[in-house]
Structures are given as C-alpha cells and as structure tokens.
Amino acid sequence: MKKIFSLLVLGLGCWATTIAQDTPEATEAPKQKFTRATFNSTRIINMQSTEIVSKGSLQFLISHHFSPLWPEGGSTQDNMAGLLGLNSGLAYTYLSFDYSPTTFMNLGLAAAGRSRFEGFAKFKILRQQTGAKNIPVSVGWYSVFNVNAAKDASVSLGWNKYSFMHQLLVARKFSDKFSLQLMPTLVYFNVVPYGINNSNSVFSMGLGGKYKLTSNKNITFEYARQFNMYENLLDKNGNIINYKPDLVSLGMEFNTGGHLFQFYIGNTTNSSNIDQLARNSSKLDFHNLAFGFTINRSLSLKK
C-alpha cells in the first residue's frame, strides 16, 4: 500500500511540474509591434505624410517647383530654350525648418514663396500596430497658417492677409512595399473673391501612396480633388476667376542615408499646400505638367 501511495504522489508531482512549465507559455501576453516607415519622409510629394522627425531632431527642407515642361502657345524655340521648364526663370521655392520636441508633435516655420510665410504643427494621434492593441491605421493632424507679407494697397486690414489649413492624415502600411494615405482637408481664407460661388471655406480630399522598389528607392503618387470655390468667382474688377480642382503628382524618392531626394512631376507650380489645394490654376494636361524636387536633411540636437 505504501508503494502504491508513493507512486501516486510521485505521479501527481510530475503532472503538477508539467502544468507549471506549460502555463506561462500559454498565458504569455502578445508583444506589441509598431509599424515603421509607412512613408520615408514627412511629405509624400507635396502633401504631408503621417511621419515626423524623431524627438529632438531638426529638419531642413527645400522644395522647388519649376514652370511647365512645354507651355501651350509658346514657340518651339522658346520652349526648347526653357529646357522643360528648368531654364525658364520661374521657380517657386519653399524653405522650412521643423523640430520635434516630443515623439508625437512637430513644429515648423517656412518661407512659402511669393512673399508668403507659414507656421505649422503636426501631431501623431494613432500609430498602426499589432499585439495587445490592434490598430490598423496611423492617424495624424496637420495645421498651418499662411500670411502674405507683400504690400498690397487693396488690402486695408492685416487679418485679410491670413489663411489657414487643417488636414486629417489617415495612413495604412499594407505590406513592406505598399502604403496609402487619405487626406480630407479644410482651407480657410479670411477674405474671398466676390461671386455667387464664394465661400471662406474650401474642402478637398486627397489620396497619396508609396511603392517600395528597393531599400532606398520608392515610387510616390498623389491625387487631390477640390470640392468647392473653383468656378465663376469674381475679383474686385469684375473679372471671372476659375481654378482647376484636380491636382496630380507622380514622384521618385532616393534615400542616401544623410539626405532624402524627391523628384516629381505634376500639374502645379505652386509651392504652398494652400494654393495647391484651393487656388490651382493649372489644368491636368501635358502643357501644364511641371518638374519639381525636394531635399530633406535632418540632424539630431540631442546631447
């Protein structure tokens, strides 16, 4: 009897040991995995992405938009001398500095071309991740104010020169190669043209994406559609103003490690998002396509 009892105790001990060894593995919480590099830059092409520079880093960005490749109505000699818009004398330049004081906020100042200046802020709200929390998208918010510093005798109040833009950024990295982003946008002008179709608020929807070719090369694209304030507006002299609601861009990114180069073509020569999304005068055809490029350089200010 004692032998049987001893065997039972030994068997129960072995079974309890096996259960104790298996239980931690069965109840181990899944590790949190954050999606990285949804996009490789703080911009897709012209529009902002959900990315910001890392905490304690300063980014310098310079962007050039040249004149159209082959302007309609221009002579062949003049267009060839213009070297596809690169040698025509027109280049709208955007210069900006931005800094990230935290992991979720980015602040910046820019010279936006044509005597305009901008200040902006971008926030990370959600980050795509799997694990204990399964969040399928990254979400950000971008706000910018724009002021026209040029002297204008027709403008009587300083606040008339201000405009604002607010943009929701919703992005998803579907695979290691492919990412997409939606960009519903509101542009607000303190003063608008006369006319039956005028409004202080301009609404648009944008779509942008990236396709990874190699570890340091990507194809990028953007499309935005303006919903209002682009037809039959009137200026103070009674002239009819029409804008073009479709904005399309296609680009290529090259990451050298220290710099990120973006080369692109699209139907805008404007350098500011406010003008691109609310006052684009170039319709989508061959004669209005123009080259552009952007260079990013970031450096850490941490000790």
Protein backbone atom coordinates (compact mmCIF):
# COMPACT_ATOMS: atom_id res chain seq x y z
CA MET A 1 0.00 0.00 0.00
CA LYS A 2 2.82 2.36 0.85
CA LYS A 3 4.42 1.67 -2.54
CA ILE A 4 1.16 2.48 -4.35
CA PHE A 5 0.75 5.68 -2.36
CA SER A 6 4.33 6.70 -3.09
CA LEU A 7 3.81 6.12 -6.83
CA LEU A 8 0.63 8.26 -6.78
CA VAL A 9 2.41 11.13 -5.02
CA LEU A 10 5.32 10.91 -7.49
CA GLY A 11 2.91 10.91 -10.45
CA LEU A 12 0.96 13.91 -9.16
CA GLY A 13 4.22 15.77 -8.58
CA CYS A 14 5.38 15.18 -12.16
CA TRP A 15 1.98 16.25 -13.53
CA ALA A 16 1.97 19.45 -11.46
CA THR A 17 5.51 20.24 -12.63
CA THR A 18 4.46 19.80 -16.28
CA ILE A 19 1.45 22.12 -15.82
CA ALA A 20 3.61 24.73 -14.10
CA GLN A 21 6.05 24.67 -17.01
CA ASP A 22 3.33 24.94 -19.68
CA THR A 23 1.18 27.66 -18.06
CA PRO A 24 3.49 30.72 -18.59
CA GLU A 25 3.79 29.99 -22.31
CA ALA A 26 0.01 29.59 -22.67
CA THR A 27 -0.77 32.87 -20.87
CA GLU A 28 2.14 34.97 -22.18
CA ALA A 29 0.83 38.32 -23.48
CA PRO A 30 1.50 39.06 -27.17
CA LYS A 31 4.26 41.57 -27.77
CA GLN A 32 3.32 44.99 -29.12
CA LYS A 33 4.63 45.60 -32.66
CA PHE A 34 4.54 49.12 -34.11
CA THR A 35 4.55 49.70 -37.86
CA ARG A 36 7.61 51.62 -39.02
CA ALA A 37 8.36 53.66 -42.15
CA THR A 38 4.83 53.88 -43.51
CA PHE A 39 6.41 56.65 -45.54
CA ASN A 40 10.09 57.59 -45.79
CA SER A 41 9.62 61.34 -45.47
CA THR A 42 7.48 63.88 -43.67
CA ARG A 43 5.99 64.57 -47.14
CA ILE A 44 4.64 62.15 -49.73
CA ILE A 45 5.25 64.65 -52.57
CA ASN A 46 3.51 67.97 -51.94
CA MET A 47 1.25 66.76 -49.13
CA GLN A 48 2.25 65.88 -45.60
CA SER A 49 2.56 62.25 -44.50
CA THR A 50 1.87 60.85 -41.03
CA GLU A 51 5.64 60.75 -40.37
CA ILE A 52 7.52 63.32 -38.26
CA VAL A 53 11.21 63.59 -37.50
CA SER A 54 12.32 61.85 -34.30
CA LYS A 55 12.24 63.57 -30.91
CA GLY A 56 14.98 66.16 -30.54
CA SER A 57 15.68 66.36 -34.29
CA LEU A 58 15.65 69.38 -36.60
CA GLN A 59 14.77 69.03 -40.29
CA PHE A 60 15.64 71.44 -43.09
CA LEU A 61 13.57 71.09 -46.26
CA ILE A 62 13.94 72.88 -49.59
CA SER A 63 11.40 72.38 -52.37
CA HIS A 64 11.43 73.83 -55.92
CA HIS A 65 8.52 73.94 -58.37
CA PHE A 66 9.54 74.91 -61.91
CA SER A 67 7.49 76.24 -64.82
CA PRO A 68 5.58 73.92 -67.22
CA LEU A 69 7.53 71.50 -69.39
CA TRP A 70 6.09 72.67 -72.72
CA PRO A 71 3.81 75.75 -72.28
CA GLU A 72 0.85 75.89 -74.62
CA GLY A 73 1.13 78.72 -77.15
CA GLY A 74 4.88 79.08 -76.77
CA SER A 75 7.14 78.81 -79.78
CA THR A 76 9.20 75.66 -80.22
CA GLN A 77 12.41 77.68 -79.88
CA ASP A 78 11.31 79.31 -76.63
CA ASN A 79 10.11 76.02 -75.17
CA MET A 80 13.34 74.25 -76.08
CA ALA A 81 15.37 77.13 -74.62
CA GLY A 82 13.31 76.76 -71.45
CA LEU A 83 14.77 73.24 -71.06
CA LEU A 84 11.48 71.63 -69.99
CA GLY A 85 10.77 74.45 -67.56
CA LEU A 86 14.13 74.19 -65.77
CA ASN A 87 15.66 77.20 -67.55
CA SER A 88 12.65 79.47 -67.90
CA GLY A 89 13.37 81.78 -64.98
CA LEU A 90 10.41 80.64 -62.87
CA ALA A 91 10.91 78.57 -59.73
CA TYR A 92 8.71 78.84 -56.66
CA THR A 93 10.74 77.82 -53.64
CA TYR A 94 9.59 76.50 -50.25
CA LEU A 95 12.12 76.63 -47.39
CA SER A 96 11.23 75.23 -43.98
CA PHE A 97 12.69 74.27 -40.62
CA ASP A 98 10.78 71.95 -38.32
CA TYR A 99 11.60 70.46 -34.93
CA SER A 100 10.06 67.67 -32.84
CA PRO A 101 10.12 68.49 -29.10
CA THR A 102 8.25 65.22 -28.33
CA THR A 103 7.60 61.90 -30.06
CA PHE A 104 4.10 63.00 -31.07
CA MET A 105 4.43 66.68 -32.04
CA ASN A 106 6.33 68.60 -34.73
CA LEU A 107 6.54 72.41 -35.10
CA GLY A 108 7.87 74.42 -38.03
CA LEU A 109 8.30 77.72 -39.87
CA ALA A 110 8.59 78.22 -43.63
CA ALA A 111 9.16 80.78 -46.37
CA ALA A 112 6.42 79.64 -48.73
CA GLY A 113 7.24 81.66 -51.87
CA ARG A 114 5.77 84.86 -53.34
CA SER A 115 6.40 86.86 -50.14
CA ARG A 116 4.41 84.42 -48.02
CA PHE A 117 5.35 82.82 -44.73
CA GLU A 118 3.88 79.84 -42.89
CA GLY A 119 3.89 78.33 -39.43
CA PHE A 120 2.70 74.78 -38.88
CA ALA A 121 2.19 72.00 -36.36
CA LYS A 122 1.76 68.26 -36.92
CA PHE A 123 0.61 65.70 -34.36
CA LYS A 124 0.71 61.91 -34.21
CA ILE A 125 -2.64 60.73 -32.84
CA LEU A 126 -2.56 56.96 -33.50
CA ARG A 127 0.11 54.58 -34.70
CA GLN A 128 -0.54 51.41 -36.69
CA GLN A 129 0.29 48.40 -34.52
CA THR A 130 -0.48 44.78 -33.65
CA GLY A 131 -0.28 42.84 -30.39
CA ALA A 132 -2.15 43.73 -27.19
CA LYS A 133 -3.71 46.58 -29.18
CA ASN A 134 -4.59 46.04 -32.82
CA ILE A 135 -4.75 49.44 -34.56
CA PRO A 136 -5.00 49.11 -38.37
CA VAL A 137 -4.06 52.71 -39.31
CA SER A 138 -1.81 55.59 -38.35
CA VAL A 139 -3.59 58.91 -37.78
CA GLY A 140 -2.12 62.41 -37.73
CA TRP A 141 -3.27 66.03 -37.78
CA TYR A 142 -1.64 68.93 -39.63
CA SER A 143 -2.46 72.64 -39.21
CA VAL A 144 -0.83 75.60 -40.95
CA PHE A 145 -1.33 79.34 -41.07
CA ASN A 146 -0.19 81.43 -44.04
CA VAL A 147 0.41 85.19 -44.19
CA ASN A 148 1.07 87.31 -47.27
CA ALA A 149 3.80 89.78 -46.28
CA ALA A 150 3.77 91.72 -49.58
CA LYS A 151 2.47 95.27 -49.51
CA ASP A 152 -0.96 95.46 -51.14
CA ALA A 153 -2.81 98.78 -51.40
CA SER A 154 -6.12 96.98 -51.94
CA VAL A 155 -5.88 95.25 -48.54
CA SER A 156 -6.99 97.53 -45.74
CA LEU A 157 -6.77 95.18 -42.74
CA GLY A 158 -3.86 92.98 -41.68
CA TRP A 159 -6.06 89.99 -40.94
CA ASN A 160 -7.19 90.00 -44.58
CA LYS A 161 -3.79 88.56 -45.49
CA TYR A 162 -4.16 85.41 -43.39
CA SER A 163 -5.34 81.95 -44.44
CA PHE A 164 -5.37 78.61 -42.67
CA MET A 165 -5.37 74.90 -43.48
CA HIS A 166 -6.33 71.88 -41.37
CA GLN A 167 -5.74 68.35 -42.59
CA LEU A 168 -6.51 64.89 -41.19
CA LEU A 169 -3.95 62.25 -42.19
CA VAL A 170 -5.06 58.60 -42.17
CA ALA A 171 -2.44 56.11 -43.43
CA ARG A 172 -2.03 52.34 -43.60
CA LYS A 173 1.01 50.27 -44.48
CA PHE A 174 -0.49 47.27 -46.27
CA SER A 175 2.80 45.47 -46.79
CA ASP A 176 6.54 46.06 -46.70
CA LYS A 177 6.22 47.64 -50.15
CA PHE A 178 2.87 49.46 -50.31
CA SER A 179 1.35 52.29 -48.23
CA LEU A 180 -1.70 54.51 -48.76
CA GLN A 181 -2.96 57.70 -47.09
CA LEU A 182 -6.24 59.67 -47.14
CA MET A 183 -6.17 63.44 -46.57
CA PRO A 184 -9.50 65.26 -46.01
CA THR A 185 -8.62 68.97 -45.95
CA LEU A 186 -10.16 72.31 -45.00
CA VAL A 187 -8.62 75.57 -46.25
CA TYR A 188 -9.99 78.78 -44.72
CA PHE A 189 -9.49 82.27 -46.22
CA ASN A 190 -10.24 85.37 -44.18
CA VAL A 191 -11.17 87.20 -47.41
CA VAL A 192 -12.62 85.57 -50.52
CA PRO A 193 -13.43 86.80 -54.06
CA TYR A 194 -16.85 88.15 -54.95
CA GLY A 195 -19.37 85.98 -56.79
CA ILE A 196 -22.25 83.62 -56.29
CA ASN A 197 -19.98 80.65 -55.56
CA ASN A 198 -17.79 82.29 -52.92
CA SER A 199 -17.04 80.81 -49.50
CA ASN A 200 -14.42 81.28 -46.83
CA SER A 201 -14.03 77.51 -46.53
CA VAL A 202 -12.62 75.25 -49.26
CA PHE A 203 -12.92 71.48 -48.90
CA SER A 204 -10.89 68.81 -50.68
CA MET A 205 -9.99 65.14 -50.43
CA GLY A 206 -6.54 63.77 -51.17
CA LEU A 207 -5.05 60.33 -51.72
CA GLY A 208 -1.34 59.56 -51.61
CA GLY A 209 0.78 56.45 -51.73
CA LYS A 210 4.22 54.86 -51.81
CA TYR A 211 5.52 51.74 -53.52
CA LYS A 212 8.91 50.46 -52.41
CA LEU A 213 11.23 49.44 -55.25
CA THR A 214 14.44 48.82 -53.29
CA SER A 215 15.76 49.58 -49.82
CA ASN A 216 16.49 53.21 -50.85
CA LYS A 217 14.16 53.88 -53.81
CA ASN A 218 10.37 54.45 -53.80
CA ILE A 219 7.69 55.50 -56.26
CA THR A 220 5.21 58.03 -54.82
CA PHE A 221 1.95 59.49 -56.08
CA GLU A 222 -0.75 61.96 -55.03
CA TYR A 223 -4.23 62.95 -56.18
CA ALA A 224 -6.45 65.65 -54.66
CA ARG A 225 -9.88 66.88 -55.66
CA GLN A 226 -11.23 70.31 -54.67
CA PHE A 227 -14.98 70.26 -53.95
CA ASN A 228 -15.94 73.95 -54.00
CA MET A 229 -14.72 77.51 -54.67
CA TYR A 230 -13.20 76.89 -58.10
CA GLU A 231 -15.83 78.10 -60.60
CA ASN A 232 -17.13 81.54 -61.60
CA LEU A 233 -15.59 83.65 -58.86
CA LEU A 234 -15.20 87.41 -59.35
CA ASP A 235 -12.38 89.74 -58.39
CA LYS A 236 -12.94 93.39 -57.39
CA ASN A 237 -12.75 94.46 -61.04
CA GLY A 238 -15.47 92.03 -62.10
CA ASN A 239 -13.13 89.57 -63.83
CA ILE A 240 -14.19 85.93 -63.72
CA ILE A 241 -11.79 83.60 -61.89
CA ASN A 242 -11.77 79.83 -62.40
CA TYR A 243 -9.43 77.37 -60.71
CA LYS A 244 -8.69 73.74 -61.58
CA PRO A 245 -9.96 71.24 -58.98
CA ASP A 246 -7.74 68.25 -59.83
CA LEU A 247 -4.18 68.01 -58.53
CA VAL A 248 -1.99 65.06 -59.62
CA SER A 249 1.69 64.33 -58.90
CA LEU A 250 4.00 61.37 -59.53
CA GLY A 251 7.45 61.11 -57.97
CA MET A 252 10.56 59.09 -57.19
CA GLU A 253 12.43 59.05 -53.86
CA PHE A 254 16.13 58.36 -53.30
CA ASN A 255 17.46 57.89 -49.78
CA THR A 256 21.23 58.38 -49.49
CA GLY A 257 21.32 57.93 -45.72
CA GLY A 258 22.13 61.56 -44.96
CA HIS A 259 19.66 63.15 -47.39
CA LEU A 260 16.33 62.22 -48.94
CA PHE A 261 15.85 63.40 -52.54
CA GLN A 262 12.38 63.56 -54.09
CA PHE A 263 11.90 64.24 -57.81
CA TYR A 264 8.38 64.61 -59.19
CA ILE A 265 6.14 65.88 -61.95
CA GLY A 266 2.63 67.32 -61.57
CA ASN A 267 0.13 69.94 -62.68
CA THR A 268 1.05 72.68 -60.22
CA THR A 269 3.79 75.28 -59.92
CA ASN A 270 2.60 76.48 -56.50
CA SER A 271 4.80 75.79 -53.50
CA SER A 272 2.26 76.12 -50.67
CA ASN A 273 -0.38 73.47 -49.91
CA ILE A 274 -2.96 76.24 -49.50
CA ASP A 275 -2.50 77.43 -53.09
CA GLN A 276 -2.19 73.86 -54.42
CA LEU A 277 -5.45 72.67 -52.85
CA ALA A 278 -7.58 75.83 -53.15
CA ARG A 279 -6.18 78.04 -55.95
CA ASN A 280 -4.53 75.81 -58.51
CA SER A 281 -4.69 77.44 -61.95
CA SER A 282 -3.11 74.59 -63.98
CA LYS A 283 -5.48 72.08 -65.54
CA LEU A 284 -4.42 68.48 -65.92
CA ASP A 285 -2.86 68.18 -69.37
CA PHE A 286 0.59 67.87 -70.94
CA HIS A 287 1.13 71.64 -71.32
CA ASN A 288 0.69 72.24 -67.57
CA LEU A 289 2.89 69.44 -66.24
CA ALA A 290 5.95 70.76 -64.40
CA PHE A 291 9.03 69.32 -62.73
CA GLY A 292 9.85 69.75 -59.06
CA PHE A 293 12.21 68.42 -56.43
CA THR A 294 12.55 68.36 -52.65
CA ILE A 295 15.61 67.76 -50.47
CA ASN A 296 15.29 66.76 -46.79
CA ARG A 297 18.09 66.87 -44.27
CA SER A 298 17.59 66.14 -40.57
CA LEU A 299 20.02 66.26 -37.67
CA SER A 300 19.74 65.37 -34.02
CA LEU A 301 20.09 68.18 -31.46
CA LYS A 302 20.24 65.76 -28.54
CA LYS A 303 23.34 65.80 -26.36
